[in-house]
């Protein structure tokens, strides 16, 4: 498989994403459901703490990826749904830490929503991965 970033500009580098990801020769395509800050039983963890929820969301993403034999390096798209943009901006370092080492940053979007599936959830992230 060959994967490369498609970035006609450079401003996205500070935000650790790509405008496009060109994938050729992929044999596996995984669509991940939106992941939230929950434990294995589905109970919400870290109510009111965006940074801690982001850490748990990425842990849960990595768990699903690993079960499919993939890692964050296989992720080509991340869509973020957040209930508090200011809290997300303040906790953005958590996202940057998870994505900084990736050779190709995932594409995606950041959406502000009024509520997620459970009132204590602040962020949900869905992903697409290829191999």
C-alpha atoms as a PDB file:
ATOM      1  CA  UNK A   1       0.000   0.000   0.000  1.00  0.00           C
ATOM      2  CA  UNK A   2       1.145   3.525  -0.772  1.00  0.00           C
ATOM      3  CA  UNK A   3      -0.192   6.444   1.284  1.00  0.00           C
ATOM      4  CA  UNK A   4       0.728  10.104   0.892  1.00  0.00           C
ATOM      5  CA  UNK A   5      -0.572  13.407   2.147  1.00  0.00           C
ATOM      6  CA  UNK A   6      -2.158  15.823  -0.300  1.00  0.00           C
ATOM      7  CA  UNK A   7      -1.581  19.330   1.072  1.00  0.00           C
ATOM      8  CA  UNK A   8      -1.562  22.282  -1.303  1.00  0.00           C
ATOM      9  CA  UNK A   9      -0.824  24.561   1.678  1.00  0.00           C
ATOM     10  CA  UNK A  10       1.187  24.340   4.901  1.00  0.00           C
ATOM     11  CA  UNK A  11      -1.081  25.898   7.543  1.00  0.00           C
ATOM     12  CA  UNK A  12      -2.571  22.493   8.410  1.00  0.00           C
ATOM     13  CA  UNK A  13       0.783  21.288   9.760  1.00  0.00           C
ATOM     14  CA  UNK A  14       0.218  23.171  13.025  1.00  0.00           C
ATOM     15  CA  UNK A  15      -3.049  21.259  13.475  1.00  0.00           C
ATOM     16  CA  UNK A  16      -1.705  17.790  12.616  1.00  0.00           C
ATOM     17  CA  UNK A  17      -4.048  16.938   9.758  1.00  0.00           C
ATOM     18  CA  UNK A  18      -3.941  16.525   5.986  1.00  0.00           C
ATOM     19  CA  UNK A  19      -6.347  18.055   3.500  1.00  0.00           C
ATOM     20  CA  UNK A  20      -6.354  14.763   1.645  1.00  0.00           C
ATOM     21  CA  UNK A  21      -4.789  11.329   1.926  1.00  0.00           C
ATOM     22  CA  UNK A  22      -4.073   9.501  -1.325  1.00  0.00           C
ATOM     23  CA  UNK A  23      -4.116   5.720  -0.794  1.00  0.00           C
ATOM     24  CA  UNK A  24      -3.223   3.252  -3.525  1.00  0.00           C
ATOM     25  CA  UNK A  25      -3.002  -0.513  -3.372  1.00  0.00           C
ATOM     26  CA  UNK A  26      -4.900  -0.909  -0.097  1.00  0.00           C
ATOM     27  CA  UNK A  27      -6.183  -4.379   0.721  1.00  0.00           C
ATOM     28  CA  UNK A  28      -7.986  -3.629   3.989  1.00  0.00           C
ATOM     29  CA  UNK A  29     -10.465  -0.860   4.749  1.00  0.00           C
ATOM     30  CA  UNK A  30     -11.771  -0.394   8.294  1.00  0.00           C
ATOM     31  CA  UNK A  31     -14.548   2.018   9.253  1.00  0.00           C
ATOM     32  CA  UNK A  32     -14.495   2.714  12.993  1.00  0.00           C
ATOM     33  CA  UNK A  33     -17.643   3.761  14.802  1.00  0.00           C
ATOM     34  CA  UNK A  34     -17.461   6.931  16.844  1.00  0.00           C
ATOM     35  CA  UNK A  35     -15.338   6.279  19.921  1.00  0.00           C
ATOM     36  CA  UNK A  36     -15.951   8.050  23.218  1.00  0.00           C
ATOM     37  CA  UNK A  37     -14.506   8.152  26.707  1.00  0.00           C
ATOM     38  CA  UNK A  38     -16.034   4.962  28.059  1.00  0.00           C
ATOM     39  CA  UNK A  39     -14.722   1.914  29.873  1.00  0.00           C
ATOM     40  CA  UNK A  40     -15.158  -1.662  28.547  1.00  0.00           C
ATOM     41  CA  UNK A  41     -18.659  -1.753  30.054  1.00  0.00           C
ATOM     42  CA  UNK A  42     -19.704   1.440  28.226  1.00  0.00           C
ATOM     43  CA  UNK A  43     -19.735   3.670  31.310  1.00  0.00           C
ATOM     44  CA  UNK A  44     -18.619   7.268  30.751  1.00  0.00           C
ATOM     45  CA  UNK A  45     -15.188   8.156  32.124  1.00  0.00           C
ATOM     46  CA  UNK A  46     -13.885  11.624  33.050  1.00  0.00           C
ATOM     47  CA  UNK A  47     -17.073  13.742  32.965  1.00  0.00           C
ATOM     48  CA  UNK A  48     -16.221  17.416  32.430  1.00  0.00           C
ATOM     49  CA  UNK A  49     -12.548  16.763  31.572  1.00  0.00           C
ATOM     50  CA  UNK A  50     -11.902  17.184  27.832  1.00  0.00           C
ATOM     51  CA  UNK A  51      -8.182  16.322  28.061  1.00  0.00           C
ATOM     52  CA  UNK A  52      -8.814  13.064  29.922  1.00  0.00           C
ATOM     53  CA  UNK A  53     -11.674  12.183  27.578  1.00  0.00           C
ATOM     54  CA  UNK A  54      -9.442  12.746  24.539  1.00  0.00           C
ATOM     55  CA  UNK A  55      -6.817  10.419  26.000  1.00  0.00           C
ATOM     56  CA  UNK A  56      -9.435   7.715  26.555  1.00  0.00           C
ATOM     57  CA  UNK A  57     -10.976   8.186  23.117  1.00  0.00           C
ATOM     58  CA  UNK A  58      -7.584   7.653  21.477  1.00  0.00           C
ATOM     59  CA  UNK A  59      -6.965   4.627  23.718  1.00  0.00           C
ATOM     60  CA  UNK A  60     -10.295   3.188  22.548  1.00  0.00           C
ATOM     61  CA  UNK A  61      -9.502   3.963  18.900  1.00  0.00           C
ATOM     62  CA  UNK A  62      -6.176   2.155  19.263  1.00  0.00           C
ATOM     63  CA  UNK A  63      -7.899  -0.839  20.872  1.00  0.00           C
ATOM     64  CA  UNK A  64     -10.295  -1.229  17.936  1.00  0.00           C
ATOM     65  CA  UNK A  65      -7.468  -0.724  15.436  1.00  0.00           C
ATOM     66  CA  UNK A  66      -5.302  -3.330  17.182  1.00  0.00           C
ATOM     67  CA  UNK A  67      -8.111  -5.886  17.081  1.00  0.00           C
ATOM     68  CA  UNK A  68      -8.113  -5.447  13.295  1.00  0.00           C
ATOM     69  CA  UNK A  69      -4.305  -5.685  13.126  1.00  0.00           C
ATOM     70  CA  UNK A  70      -3.839  -1.948  12.500  1.00  0.00           C
ATOM     71  CA  UNK A  71      -2.337   1.091  14.246  1.00  0.00           C
ATOM     72  CA  UNK A  72      -2.828   4.855  14.161  1.00  0.00           C
ATOM     73  CA  UNK A  73      -0.383   4.891  11.223  1.00  0.00           C
ATOM     74  CA  UNK A  74      -3.156   3.246   9.156  1.00  0.00           C
ATOM     75  CA  UNK A  75      -5.729   5.948   9.913  1.00  0.00           C
ATOM     76  CA  UNK A  76      -6.581   8.167   6.946  1.00  0.00           C
ATOM     77  CA  UNK A  77      -9.573  10.051   8.375  1.00  0.00           C
ATOM     78  CA  UNK A  78     -10.577  11.324  11.829  1.00  0.00           C
ATOM     79  CA  UNK A  79     -13.829  13.198  12.364  1.00  0.00           C
ATOM     80  CA  UNK A  80     -14.150  14.985  15.701  1.00  0.00           C
ATOM     81  CA  UNK A  81     -17.506  15.831  17.294  1.00  0.00           C
ATOM     82  CA  UNK A  82     -17.162  18.104  20.328  1.00  0.00           C
ATOM     83  CA  UNK A  83     -19.645  19.807  22.613  1.00  0.00           C
ATOM     84  CA  UNK A  84     -17.230  22.547  23.730  1.00  0.00           C
ATOM     85  CA  UNK A  85     -14.838  24.041  21.174  1.00  0.00           C
ATOM     86  CA  UNK A  86     -12.948  26.095  23.746  1.00  0.00           C
ATOM     87  CA  UNK A  87     -12.299  23.047  25.920  1.00  0.00           C
ATOM     88  CA  UNK A  88     -11.164  21.124  22.844  1.00  0.00           C
ATOM     89  CA  UNK A  89      -8.778  23.930  21.854  1.00  0.00           C
ATOM     90  CA  UNK A  90      -7.359  23.979  25.386  1.00  0.00           C
ATOM     91  CA  UNK A  91      -6.816  20.192  25.304  1.00  0.00           C
ATOM     92  CA  UNK A  92      -5.581  20.021  21.701  1.00  0.00           C
ATOM     93  CA  UNK A  93      -2.091  18.997  22.876  1.00  0.00           C
ATOM     94  CA  UNK A  94      -3.558  15.548  23.607  1.00  0.00           C
ATOM     95  CA  UNK A  95      -4.490  15.183  19.927  1.00  0.00           C
ATOM     96  CA  UNK A  96      -1.133  16.531  18.771  1.00  0.00           C
ATOM     97  CA  UNK A  97       0.710  14.051  20.993  1.00  0.00           C
ATOM     98  CA  UNK A  98      -1.167  11.134  19.415  1.00  0.00           C
ATOM     99  CA  UNK A  99      -0.666  12.313  15.823  1.00  0.00           C
ATOM    100  CA  UNK A 100       2.748  14.021  15.852  1.00  0.00           C
ATOM    101  CA  UNK A 101       4.766  10.919  14.937  1.00  0.00           C
ATOM    102  CA  UNK A 102       2.567   9.884  12.000  1.00  0.00           C
ATOM    103  CA  UNK A 103       4.238  10.226   8.609  1.00  0.00           C
ATOM    104  CA  UNK A 104       0.872  11.055   7.020  1.00  0.00           C
ATOM    105  CA  UNK A 105      -1.599  12.953   9.175  1.00  0.00           C
ATOM    106  CA  UNK A 106      -5.240  11.861   8.792  1.00  0.00           C
ATOM    107  CA  UNK A 107      -7.736  14.059   7.009  1.00  0.00           C
ATOM    108  CA  UNK A 108     -11.017  14.885   8.709  1.00  0.00           C
ATOM    109  CA  UNK A 109     -13.134  17.588  10.221  1.00  0.00           C
ATOM    110  CA  UNK A 110     -13.925  19.162  13.568  1.00  0.00           C
ATOM    111  CA  UNK A 111     -17.611  19.676  14.274  1.00  0.00           C
ATOM    112  CA  UNK A 112     -19.288  21.410  17.188  1.00  0.00           C
ATOM    113  CA  UNK A 113     -22.426  19.639  18.359  1.00  0.00           C
ATOM    114  CA  UNK A 114     -24.923  20.417  21.085  1.00  0.00           C
ATOM    115  CA  UNK A 115     -24.850  16.956  22.645  1.00  0.00           C
ATOM    116  CA  UNK A 116     -23.493  13.441  22.201  1.00  0.00           C
ATOM    117  CA  UNK A 117     -25.165  10.125  23.036  1.00  0.00           C
ATOM    118  CA  UNK A 118     -24.657  10.574  26.781  1.00  0.00           C
ATOM    119  CA  UNK A 119     -24.767  13.974  28.540  1.00  0.00           C
ATOM    120  CA  UNK A 120     -21.320  13.624  30.179  1.00  0.00           C
ATOM    121  CA  UNK A 121     -19.515  12.966  26.888  1.00  0.00           C
ATOM    122  CA  UNK A 122     -17.588  15.943  25.508  1.00  0.00           C
ATOM    123  CA  UNK A 123     -15.943  14.377  22.442  1.00  0.00           C
ATOM    124  CA  UNK A 124     -16.512  11.555  19.972  1.00  0.00           C
ATOM    125  CA  UNK A 125     -14.112  10.601  17.191  1.00  0.00           C
ATOM    126  CA  UNK A 126     -14.839   8.359  14.209  1.00  0.00           C
ATOM    127  CA  UNK A 127     -12.093   7.016  11.988  1.00  0.00           C
ATOM    128  CA  UNK A 128     -11.302   5.283   8.717  1.00  0.00           C
ATOM    129  CA  UNK A 129      -8.174   3.126   8.395  1.00  0.00           C
ATOM    130  CA  UNK A 130      -6.505   1.338   5.484  1.00  0.00           C
ATOM    131  CA  UNK A 131      -3.786  -1.254   5.022  1.00  0.00           C
END
